[in-house]
Amino acid sequence: QCARFCEHPTVKHTEAVHHIVRFLAGTREEGIILSPK
């Protein structure tokens, strides 16, 4: 959603990026761990 506005981002799009990064701040330790067996 945010990538669609790389050409002319506005404050609304900046706030959306802030929201994503705030989510990442709370979930730093999460992710996909691949363990082949």
PDB file of all heavy atoms in Angstrom:
ATOM      1  N   GLN A   1       0.828  -1.211   0.000  1.00  0.00           N
ATOM      2  CA  GLN A   1       0.000   0.000   0.000  1.00  0.00           C
ATOM      3  C   GLN A   1       0.858   1.253   0.000  1.00  0.00           C
ATOM      4  O   GLN A   1       0.590   2.198  -0.731  1.00  0.00           O
ATOM      5  CB  GLN A   1      -0.926   0.007   1.223  1.00  0.00           C
ATOM      6  CG  GLN A   1      -2.095  -0.933   1.134  1.00  0.00           C
ATOM      7  CD  GLN A   1      -3.096  -0.468   0.092  1.00  0.00           C
ATOM      8  OE1 GLN A   1      -3.591   0.645   0.144  1.00  0.00           O
ATOM      9  NE2 GLN A   1      -3.374  -1.327  -0.859  1.00  0.00           N
ATOM     10  N   CYS A   2       1.901   1.273   0.808  1.00  0.00           N
ATOM     11  CA  CYS A   2       2.792   2.435   0.883  1.00  0.00           C
ATOM     12  C   CYS A   2       3.662   2.559  -0.366  1.00  0.00           C
ATOM     13  O   CYS A   2       3.943   3.674  -0.825  1.00  0.00           O
ATOM     14  CB  CYS A   2       3.679   2.345   2.122  1.00  0.00           C
ATOM     15  SG  CYS A   2       2.772   2.476   3.668  1.00  0.00           S
ATOM     16  N   ALA A   3       4.079   1.436  -0.922  1.00  0.00           N
ATOM     17  CA  ALA A   3       4.969   1.442  -2.087  1.00  0.00           C
ATOM     18  C   ALA A   3       4.310   2.077  -3.303  1.00  0.00           C
ATOM     19  O   ALA A   3       5.001   2.634  -4.159  1.00  0.00           O
ATOM     20  CB  ALA A   3       5.415   0.023  -2.412  1.00  0.00           C
ATOM     21  N   ARG A   4       3.015   2.043  -3.378  1.00  0.00           N
ATOM     22  CA  ARG A   4       2.304   2.623  -4.522  1.00  0.00           C
ATOM     23  C   ARG A   4       2.504   4.135  -4.619  1.00  0.00           C
ATOM     24  O   ARG A   4       2.259   4.723  -5.664  1.00  0.00           O
ATOM     25  CB  ARG A   4       0.808   2.319  -4.397  1.00  0.00           C
ATOM     26  CG  ARG A   4       0.501   0.851  -4.497  1.00  0.00           C
ATOM     27  CD  ARG A   4      -0.945   0.492  -4.183  1.00  0.00           C
ATOM     28  NE  ARG A   4      -1.900   1.490  -4.584  1.00  0.00           N
ATOM     29  CZ  ARG A   4      -2.978   1.823  -3.865  1.00  0.00           C
ATOM     30  NH1 ARG A   4      -3.211   1.229  -2.708  1.00  0.00           N
ATOM     31  NH2 ARG A   4      -3.820   2.728  -4.290  1.00  0.00           N
ATOM     32  N   PHE A   5       2.986   4.752  -3.547  1.00  0.00           N
ATOM     33  CA  PHE A   5       3.091   6.210  -3.521  1.00  0.00           C
ATOM     34  C   PHE A   5       4.527   6.702  -3.380  1.00  0.00           C
ATOM     35  O   PHE A   5       4.771   7.805  -2.904  1.00  0.00           O
ATOM     36  CB  PHE A   5       2.211   6.762  -2.398  1.00  0.00           C
ATOM     37  CG  PHE A   5       0.793   6.273  -2.516  1.00  0.00           C
ATOM     38  CD1 PHE A   5       0.333   5.238  -1.729  1.00  0.00           C
ATOM     39  CD2 PHE A   5      -0.045   6.817  -3.468  1.00  0.00           C
ATOM     40  CE1 PHE A   5      -0.958   4.766  -1.865  1.00  0.00           C
ATOM     41  CE2 PHE A   5      -1.344   6.344  -3.619  1.00  0.00           C
ATOM     42  CZ  PHE A   5      -1.796   5.315  -2.817  1.00  0.00           C
ATOM     43  N   CYS A   6       5.482   5.890  -3.829  1.00  0.00           N
ATOM     44  CA  CYS A   6       6.896   6.281  -3.749  1.00  0.00           C
ATOM     45  C   CYS A   6       7.194   7.526  -4.575  1.00  0.00           C
ATOM     46  O   CYS A   6       8.098   8.292  -4.244  1.00  0.00           O
ATOM     47  CB  CYS A   6       7.801   5.141  -4.199  1.00  0.00           C
ATOM     48  SG  CYS A   6       8.070   3.908  -2.930  1.00  0.00           S
ATOM     49  N   GLU A   7       6.462   7.728  -5.647  1.00  0.00           N
ATOM     50  CA  GLU A   7       6.721   8.864  -6.523  1.00  0.00           C
ATOM     51  C   GLU A   7       6.372  10.204  -5.862  1.00  0.00           C
ATOM     52  O   GLU A   7       7.126  11.161  -5.957  1.00  0.00           O
ATOM     53  CB  GLU A   7       5.921   8.708  -7.822  1.00  0.00           C
ATOM     54  CG  GLU A   7       6.317   9.665  -8.904  1.00  0.00           C
ATOM     55  CD  GLU A   7       7.715   9.418  -9.446  1.00  0.00           C
ATOM     56  OE1 GLU A   7       8.168   8.259  -9.443  1.00  0.00           O
ATOM     57  OE2 GLU A   7       8.362  10.392  -9.854  1.00  0.00           O
ATOM     58  N   HIS A   8       5.227  10.266  -5.188  1.00  0.00           N
ATOM     59  CA  HIS A   8       4.782  11.516  -4.547  1.00  0.00           C
ATOM     60  C   HIS A   8       4.141  11.216  -3.189  1.00  0.00           C
ATOM     61  O   HIS A   8       2.929  11.353  -3.028  1.00  0.00           O
ATOM     62  CB  HIS A   8       3.773  12.250  -5.432  1.00  0.00           C
ATOM     63  CG  HIS A   8       4.317  12.640  -6.754  1.00  0.00           C
ATOM     64  ND1 HIS A   8       5.265  13.630  -6.911  1.00  0.00           N
ATOM     65  CD2 HIS A   8       4.066  12.163  -7.997  1.00  0.00           C
ATOM     66  CE1 HIS A   8       5.564  13.746  -8.188  1.00  0.00           C
ATOM     67  NE2 HIS A   8       4.856  12.857  -8.871  1.00  0.00           N
ATOM     68  N   PRO A   9       4.943  10.815  -2.195  1.00  0.00           N
ATOM     69  CA  PRO A   9       4.355  10.510  -0.884  1.00  0.00           C
ATOM     70  C   PRO A   9       3.903  11.782  -0.163  1.00  0.00           C
ATOM     71  O   PRO A   9       4.502  12.840  -0.321  1.00  0.00           O
ATOM     72  CB  PRO A   9       5.492   9.829  -0.130  1.00  0.00           C
ATOM     73  CG  PRO A   9       6.731  10.362  -0.759  1.00  0.00           C
ATOM     74  CD  PRO A   9       6.382  10.603  -2.198  1.00  0.00           C
ATOM     75  N   THR A  10       2.839  11.639   0.608  1.00  0.00           N
ATOM     76  CA  THR A  10       2.344  12.751   1.419  1.00  0.00           C
ATOM     77  C   THR A  10       2.435  12.376   2.894  1.00  0.00           C
ATOM     78  O   THR A  10       2.846  11.264   3.244  1.00  0.00           O
ATOM     79  CB  THR A  10       0.884  13.094   1.060  1.00  0.00           C
ATOM     80  OG1 THR A  10       0.057  11.967   1.394  1.00  0.00           O
ATOM     81  CG2 THR A  10       0.725  13.435  -0.408  1.00  0.00           C
ATOM     82  N   VAL A  11       2.023  13.276   3.735  1.00  0.00           N
ATOM     83  CA  VAL A  11       2.055  13.037   5.183  1.00  0.00           C
ATOM     84  C   VAL A  11       1.229  11.803   5.541  1.00  0.00           C
ATOM     85  O   VAL A  11       1.617  11.021   6.412  1.00  0.00           O
ATOM     86  CB  VAL A  11       1.564  14.291   5.944  1.00  0.00           C
ATOM     87  CG1 VAL A  11       1.369  13.995   7.410  1.00  0.00           C
ATOM     88  CG2 VAL A  11       2.534  15.445   5.749  1.00  0.00           C
ATOM     89  N   LYS A  12       0.116  11.599   4.847  1.00  0.00           N
ATOM     90  CA  LYS A  12      -0.732  10.427   5.105  1.00  0.00           C
ATOM     91  C   LYS A  12       0.044   9.136   4.864  1.00  0.00           C
ATOM     92  O   LYS A  12      -0.042   8.186   5.638  1.00  0.00           O
ATOM     93  CB  LYS A  12      -1.965  10.471   4.204  1.00  0.00           C
ATOM     94  CG  LYS A  12      -2.937   9.343   4.453  1.00  0.00           C
ATOM     95  CD  LYS A  12      -4.053   9.311   3.427  1.00  0.00           C
ATOM     96  CE  LYS A  12      -4.857  10.591   3.444  1.00  0.00           C
ATOM     97  NZ  LYS A  12      -6.020  10.533   2.535  1.00  0.00           N
ATOM     98  N   HIS A  13       0.858   9.112   3.819  1.00  0.00           N
ATOM     99  CA  HIS A  13       1.648   7.924   3.499  1.00  0.00           C
ATOM    100  C   HIS A  13       2.803   7.763   4.491  1.00  0.00           C
ATOM    101  O   HIS A  13       3.143   6.644   4.878  1.00  0.00           O
ATOM    102  CB  HIS A  13       2.152   8.008   2.059  1.00  0.00           C
ATOM    103  CG  HIS A  13       1.051   8.261   1.080  1.00  0.00           C
ATOM    104  ND1 HIS A  13       1.067   9.326   0.216  1.00  0.00           N
ATOM    105  CD2 HIS A  13      -0.123   7.615   0.873  1.00  0.00           C
ATOM    106  CE1 HIS A  13      -0.039   9.308  -0.512  1.00  0.00           C
ATOM    107  NE2 HIS A  13      -0.784   8.278  -0.132  1.00  0.00           N
ATOM    108  N   THR A  14       3.376   8.881   4.901  1.00  0.00           N
ATOM    109  CA  THR A  14       4.429   8.858   5.917  1.00  0.00           C
ATOM    110  C   THR A  14       3.899   8.267   7.216  1.00  0.00           C
ATOM    111  O   THR A  14       4.561   7.453   7.862  1.00  0.00           O
ATOM    112  CB  THR A  14       4.972  10.276   6.160  1.00  0.00           C
ATOM    113  OG1 THR A  14       5.493  10.788   4.938  1.00  0.00           O
ATOM    114  CG2 THR A  14       6.058  10.284   7.209  1.00  0.00           C
ATOM    115  N   GLU A  15       2.694   8.647   7.597  1.00  0.00           N
ATOM    116  CA  GLU A  15       2.083   8.114   8.818  1.00  0.00           C
ATOM    117  C   GLU A  15       1.854   6.612   8.714  1.00  0.00           C
ATOM    118  O   GLU A  15       1.997   5.881   9.702  1.00  0.00           O
ATOM    119  CB  GLU A  15       0.772   8.843   9.099  1.00  0.00           C
ATOM    120  CG  GLU A  15       0.966  10.278   9.528  1.00  0.00           C
ATOM    121  CD  GLU A  15      -0.332  11.075   9.573  1.00  0.00           C
ATOM    122  OE1 GLU A  15      -1.400  10.535   9.194  1.00  0.00           O
ATOM    123  OE2 GLU A  15      -0.272  12.251   9.982  1.00  0.00           O
ATOM    124  N   ALA A  16       1.520   6.131   7.522  1.00  0.00           N
ATOM    125  CA  ALA A  16       1.340   4.689   7.323  1.00  0.00           C
ATOM    126  C   ALA A  16       2.659   3.945   7.509  1.00  0.00           C
ATOM    127  O   ALA A  16       2.695   2.862   8.106  1.00  0.00           O
ATOM    128  CB  ALA A  16       0.749   4.421   5.941  1.00  0.00           C
ATOM    129  N   VAL A  17       3.757   4.522   7.026  1.00  0.00           N
ATOM    130  CA  VAL A  17       5.082   3.911   7.221  1.00  0.00           C
ATOM    131  C   VAL A  17       5.421   3.918   8.712  1.00  0.00           C
ATOM    132  O   VAL A  17       5.930   2.925   9.243  1.00  0.00           O
ATOM    133  CB  VAL A  17       6.165   4.644   6.397  1.00  0.00           C
ATOM    134  CG1 VAL A  17       7.555   4.161   6.776  1.00  0.00           C
ATOM    135  CG2 VAL A  17       5.919   4.449   4.909  1.00  0.00           C
ATOM    136  N   HIS A  18       5.125   5.006   9.400  1.00  0.00           N
ATOM    137  CA  HIS A  18       5.352   5.063  10.851  1.00  0.00           C
ATOM    138  C   HIS A  18       4.592   3.937  11.553  1.00  0.00           C
ATOM    139  O   HIS A  18       5.124   3.313  12.487  1.00  0.00           O
ATOM    140  CB  HIS A  18       4.892   6.404  11.416  1.00  0.00           C
ATOM    141  CG  HIS A  18       5.826   7.528  11.126  1.00  0.00           C
ATOM    142  ND1 HIS A  18       5.546   8.819  11.478  1.00  0.00           N
ATOM    143  CD2 HIS A  18       7.037   7.572  10.522  1.00  0.00           C
ATOM    144  CE1 HIS A  18       6.535   9.613  11.105  1.00  0.00           C
ATOM    145  NE2 HIS A  18       7.449   8.865  10.519  1.00  0.00           N
ATOM    146  N   HIS A  19       3.367   3.676  11.120  1.00  0.00           N
ATOM    147  CA  HIS A  19       2.560   2.618  11.736  1.00  0.00           C
ATOM    148  C   HIS A  19       3.237   1.253  11.551  1.00  0.00           C
ATOM    149  O   HIS A  19       3.316   0.458  12.492  1.00  0.00           O
ATOM    150  CB  HIS A  19       1.159   2.609  11.125  1.00  0.00           C
ATOM    151  CG  HIS A  19       0.184   1.769  11.874  1.00  0.00           C
ATOM    152  ND1 HIS A  19      -0.657   2.288  12.827  1.00  0.00           N
ATOM    153  CD2 HIS A  19      -0.061   0.445  11.847  1.00  0.00           C
ATOM    154  CE1 HIS A  19      -1.395   1.323  13.333  1.00  0.00           C
ATOM    155  NE2 HIS A  19      -1.043   0.187  12.753  1.00  0.00           N
ATOM    156  N   ILE A  20       3.728   0.990  10.344  1.00  0.00           N
ATOM    157  CA  ILE A  20       4.415  -0.279  10.076  1.00  0.00           C
ATOM    158  C   ILE A  20       5.630  -0.427  10.989  1.00  0.00           C
ATOM    159  O   ILE A  20       5.857  -1.481  11.585  1.00  0.00           O
ATOM    160  CB  ILE A  20       4.859  -0.366   8.600  1.00  0.00           C
ATOM    161  CG1 ILE A  20       3.656  -0.398   7.671  1.00  0.00           C
ATOM    162  CG2 ILE A  20       5.745  -1.596   8.371  1.00  0.00           C
ATOM    163  CD1 ILE A  20       4.002  -0.226   6.203  1.00  0.00           C
ATOM    164  N   VAL A  21       6.406   0.632  11.102  1.00  0.00           N
ATOM    165  CA  VAL A  21       7.637   0.564  11.897  1.00  0.00           C
ATOM    166  C   VAL A  21       7.314   0.442  13.385  1.00  0.00           C
ATOM    167  O   VAL A  21       8.025  -0.248  14.126  1.00  0.00           O
ATOM    168  CB  VAL A  21       8.558   1.762  11.586  1.00  0.00           C
ATOM    169  CG1 VAL A  21       9.783   1.757  12.475  1.00  0.00           C
ATOM    170  CG2 VAL A  21       8.974   1.720  10.116  1.00  0.00           C
ATOM    171  N   ARG A  22       6.245   1.043  13.835  1.00  0.00           N
ATOM    172  CA  ARG A  22       5.828   0.852  15.234  1.00  0.00           C
ATOM    173  C   ARG A  22       5.418  -0.597  15.487  1.00  0.00           C
ATOM    174  O   ARG A  22       5.650  -1.145  16.548  1.00  0.00           O
ATOM    175  CB  ARG A  22       4.689   1.808  15.580  1.00  0.00           C
ATOM    176  CG  ARG A  22       5.158   3.216  15.794  1.00  0.00           C
ATOM    177  CD  ARG A  22       4.032   4.095  16.334  1.00  0.00           C
ATOM    178  NE  ARG A  22       4.525   5.425  16.574  1.00  0.00           N
ATOM    179  CZ  ARG A  22       4.302   6.462  15.780  1.00  0.00           C
ATOM    180  NH1 ARG A  22       3.569   6.311  14.691  1.00  0.00           N
ATOM    181  NH2 ARG A  22       4.793   7.640  16.072  1.00  0.00           N
ATOM    182  N   PHE A  23       4.805  -1.229  14.488  1.00  0.00           N
ATOM    183  CA  PHE A  23       4.484  -2.645  14.593  1.00  0.00           C
ATOM    184  C   PHE A  23       5.767  -3.466  14.708  1.00  0.00           C
ATOM    185  O   PHE A  23       5.873  -4.359  15.550  1.00  0.00           O
ATOM    186  CB  PHE A  23       3.666  -3.099  13.378  1.00  0.00           C
ATOM    187  CG  PHE A  23       3.499  -4.582  13.275  1.00  0.00           C
ATOM    188  CD1 PHE A  23       2.624  -5.253  14.113  1.00  0.00           C
ATOM    189  CD2 PHE A  23       4.218  -5.322  12.349  1.00  0.00           C
ATOM    190  CE1 PHE A  23       2.464  -6.631  14.032  1.00  0.00           C
ATOM    191  CE2 PHE A  23       4.072  -6.689  12.255  1.00  0.00           C
ATOM    192  CZ  PHE A  23       3.196  -7.342  13.107  1.00  0.00           C
ATOM    193  N   LEU A  24       6.753  -3.136  13.881  1.00  0.00           N
ATOM    194  CA  LEU A  24       8.033  -3.847  13.935  1.00  0.00           C
ATOM    195  C   LEU A  24       8.734  -3.650  15.272  1.00  0.00           C
ATOM    196  O   LEU A  24       9.379  -4.570  15.778  1.00  0.00           O
ATOM    197  CB  LEU A  24       8.949  -3.378  12.797  1.00  0.00           C
ATOM    198  CG  LEU A  24       8.560  -3.818  11.395  1.00  0.00           C
ATOM    199  CD1 LEU A  24       9.449  -3.142  10.367  1.00  0.00           C
ATOM    200  CD2 LEU A  24       8.630  -5.324  11.273  1.00  0.00           C
ATOM    201  N   ALA A  25       8.603  -2.467  15.849  1.00  0.00           N
ATOM    202  CA  ALA A  25       9.237  -2.193  17.146  1.00  0.00           C
ATOM    203  C   ALA A  25       8.694  -3.129  18.224  1.00  0.00           C
ATOM    204  O   ALA A  25       9.430  -3.542  19.121  1.00  0.00           O
ATOM    205  CB  ALA A  25       9.016  -0.742  17.541  1.00  0.00           C
ATOM    206  N   GLY A  26       7.434  -3.479  18.122  1.00  0.00           N
ATOM    207  CA  GLY A  26       6.828  -4.366  19.111  1.00  0.00           C
ATOM    208  C   GLY A  26       6.987  -5.836  18.809  1.00  0.00           C
ATOM    209  O   GLY A  26       6.682  -6.687  19.645  1.00  0.00           O
ATOM    210  N   THR A  27       7.449  -6.162  17.602  1.00  0.00           N
ATOM    211  CA  THR A  27       7.564  -7.575  17.202  1.00  0.00           C
ATOM    212  C   THR A  27       8.955  -7.889  16.663  1.00  0.00           C
ATOM    213  O   THR A  27       9.105  -8.727  15.773  1.00  0.00           O
ATOM    214  CB  THR A  27       6.504  -7.914  16.133  1.00  0.00           C
ATOM    215  OG1 THR A  27       6.712  -7.070  14.991  1.00  0.00           O
ATOM    216  CG2 THR A  27       5.102  -7.745  16.658  1.00  0.00           C
ATOM    217  N   ARG A  28       9.961  -7.227  17.197  1.00  0.00           N
ATOM    218  CA  ARG A  28      11.353  -7.424  16.733  1.00  0.00           C
ATOM    219  C   ARG A  28      11.777  -8.884  16.688  1.00  0.00           C
ATOM    220  O   ARG A  28      12.495  -9.305  15.804  1.00  0.00           O
ATOM    221  CB  ARG A  28      12.315  -6.714  17.686  1.00  0.00           C
ATOM    222  CG  ARG A  28      12.597  -5.335  17.390  1.00  0.00           C
ATOM    223  CD  ARG A  28      13.730  -4.878  18.327  1.00  0.00           C
ATOM    224  NE  ARG A  28      13.952  -3.478  18.137  1.00  0.00           N
ATOM    225  CZ  ARG A  28      13.571  -2.537  18.986  1.00  0.00           C
ATOM    226  NH1 ARG A  28      12.970  -2.854  20.090  1.00  0.00           N
ATOM    227  NH2 ARG A  28      13.814  -1.285  18.720  1.00  0.00           N
ATOM    228  N   GLU A  29      11.381  -9.630  17.678  1.00  0.00           N
ATOM    229  CA  GLU A  29      11.865 -11.002  17.837  1.00  0.00           C
ATOM    230  C   GLU A  29      11.062 -12.019  17.035  1.00  0.00           C
ATOM    231  O   GLU A  29      11.354 -13.206  17.088  1.00  0.00           O
ATOM    232  CB  GLU A  29      11.848 -11.393  19.316  1.00  0.00           C
ATOM    233  CG  GLU A  29      12.654 -10.467  20.214  1.00  0.00           C
ATOM    234  CD  GLU A  29      14.126 -10.395  19.823  1.00  0.00           C
ATOM    235  OE1 GLU A  29      14.699 -11.438  19.473  1.00  0.00           O
ATOM    236  OE2 GLU A  29      14.688  -9.284  19.859  1.00  0.00           O
ATOM    237  N   GLU A  30      10.058 -11.574  16.300  1.00  0.00           N
ATOM    238  CA  GLU A  30       9.242 -12.500  15.524  1.00  0.00           C
ATOM    239  C   GLU A  30       9.757 -12.587  14.097  1.00  0.00           C
ATOM    240  O   GLU A  30      10.485 -11.721  13.635  1.00  0.00           O
ATOM    241  CB  GLU A  30       7.779 -12.054  15.537  1.00  0.00           C
ATOM    242  CG  GLU A  30       7.173 -12.108  16.921  1.00  0.00           C
ATOM    243  CD  GLU A  30       5.734 -11.670  16.940  1.00  0.00           C
ATOM    244  OE1 GLU A  30       5.103 -11.612  15.868  1.00  0.00           O
ATOM    245  OE2 GLU A  30       5.244 -11.385  18.033  1.00  0.00           O
ATOM    246  N   GLY A  31       9.360 -13.634  13.392  1.00  0.00           N
ATOM    247  CA  GLY A  31       9.758 -13.812  12.004  1.00  0.00           C
ATOM    248  C   GLY A  31       9.635 -15.265  11.605  1.00  0.00           C
ATOM    249  O   GLY A  31       9.167 -16.097  12.374  1.00  0.00           O
ATOM    250  N   ILE A  32      10.062 -15.564  10.417  1.00  0.00           N
ATOM    251  CA  ILE A  32      10.010 -16.929   9.909  1.00  0.00           C
ATOM    252  C   ILE A  32      11.386 -17.543  10.085  1.00  0.00           C
ATOM    253  O   ILE A  32      12.391 -16.979   9.673  1.00  0.00           O
ATOM    254  CB  ILE A  32       9.625 -16.946   8.419  1.00  0.00           C
ATOM    255  CG1 ILE A  32       8.239 -16.343   8.230  1.00  0.00           C
ATOM    256  CG2 ILE A  32       9.695 -18.361   7.860  1.00  0.00           C
ATOM    257  CD1 ILE A  32       7.865 -16.139   6.779  1.00  0.00           C
ATOM    258  N   ILE A  33      11.417 -18.699  10.712  1.00  0.00           N
ATOM    259  CA  ILE A  33      12.666 -19.435  10.876  1.00  0.00           C
ATOM    260  C   ILE A  33      12.507 -20.748  10.120  1.00  0.00           C
ATOM    261  O   ILE A  33      11.625 -21.547  10.428  1.00  0.00           O
ATOM    262  CB  ILE A  33      12.979 -19.701  12.362  1.00  0.00           C
ATOM    263  CG1 ILE A  33      13.126 -18.374  13.099  1.00  0.00           C
ATOM    264  CG2 ILE A  33      14.228 -20.557  12.499  1.00  0.00           C
ATOM    265  CD1 ILE A  33      13.254 -18.514  14.592  1.00  0.00           C
ATOM    266  N   LEU A  34      13.343 -20.954   9.126  1.00  0.00           N
ATOM    267  CA  LEU A  34      13.287 -22.179   8.347  1.00  0.00           C
ATOM    268  C   LEU A  34      14.278 -23.179   8.909  1.00  0.00           C
ATOM    269  O   LEU A  34      15.453 -22.904   9.053  1.00  0.00           O
ATOM    270  CB  LEU A  34      13.612 -21.877   6.877  1.00  0.00           C
ATOM    271  CG  LEU A  34      12.697 -20.878   6.191  1.00  0.00           C
ATOM    272  CD1 LEU A  34      13.196 -20.598   4.787  1.00  0.00           C
ATOM    273  CD2 LEU A  34      11.278 -21.384   6.165  1.00  0.00           C
ATOM    274  N   SER A  35      13.773 -24.371   9.234  1.00  0.00           N
ATOM    275  CA  SER A  35      14.604 -25.439   9.789  1.00  0.00           C
ATOM    276  C   SER A  35      14.431 -26.697   8.937  1.00  0.00           C
ATOM    277  O   SER A  35      13.538 -27.496   9.186  1.00  0.00           O
ATOM    278  CB  SER A  35      14.207 -25.728  11.237  1.00  0.00           C
ATOM    279  OG  SER A  35      14.364 -24.600  12.036  1.00  0.00           O
ATOM    280  N   PRO A  36      15.268 -26.875   7.925  1.00  0.00           N
ATOM    281  CA  PRO A  36      15.102 -28.062   7.084  1.00  0.00           C
ATOM    282  C   PRO A  36      15.458 -29.339   7.833  1.00  0.00           C
ATOM    283  O   PRO A  36      16.464 -29.416   8.532  1.00  0.00           O
ATOM    284  CB  PRO A  36      16.075 -27.820   5.932  1.00  0.00           C
ATOM    285  CG  PRO A  36      17.055 -26.818   6.433  1.00  0.00           C
ATOM    286  CD  PRO A  36      16.379 -26.044   7.514  1.00  0.00           C
ATOM    287  N   LYS A  37      14.586 -30.338   7.709  1.00  0.00           N
ATOM    288  CA  LYS A  37      14.817 -31.658   8.313  1.00  0.00           C
ATOM    289  C   LYS A  37      14.373 -32.723   7.316  1.00  0.00           C
ATOM    290  O   LYS A  37      13.234 -32.686   6.851  1.00  0.00           O
ATOM    291  CB  LYS A  37      14.036 -31.818   9.616  1.00  0.00           C
ATOM    292  CG  LYS A  37      14.539 -30.981  10.752  1.00  0.00           C
ATOM    293  CD  LYS A  37      13.785 -31.286  12.009  1.00  0.00           C
ATOM    294  CE  LYS A  37      14.327 -30.445  13.150  1.00  0.00           C
ATOM    295  NZ  LYS A  37      13.713 -30.755  14.411  1.00  0.00           N
TER     296      LYS A  37
END
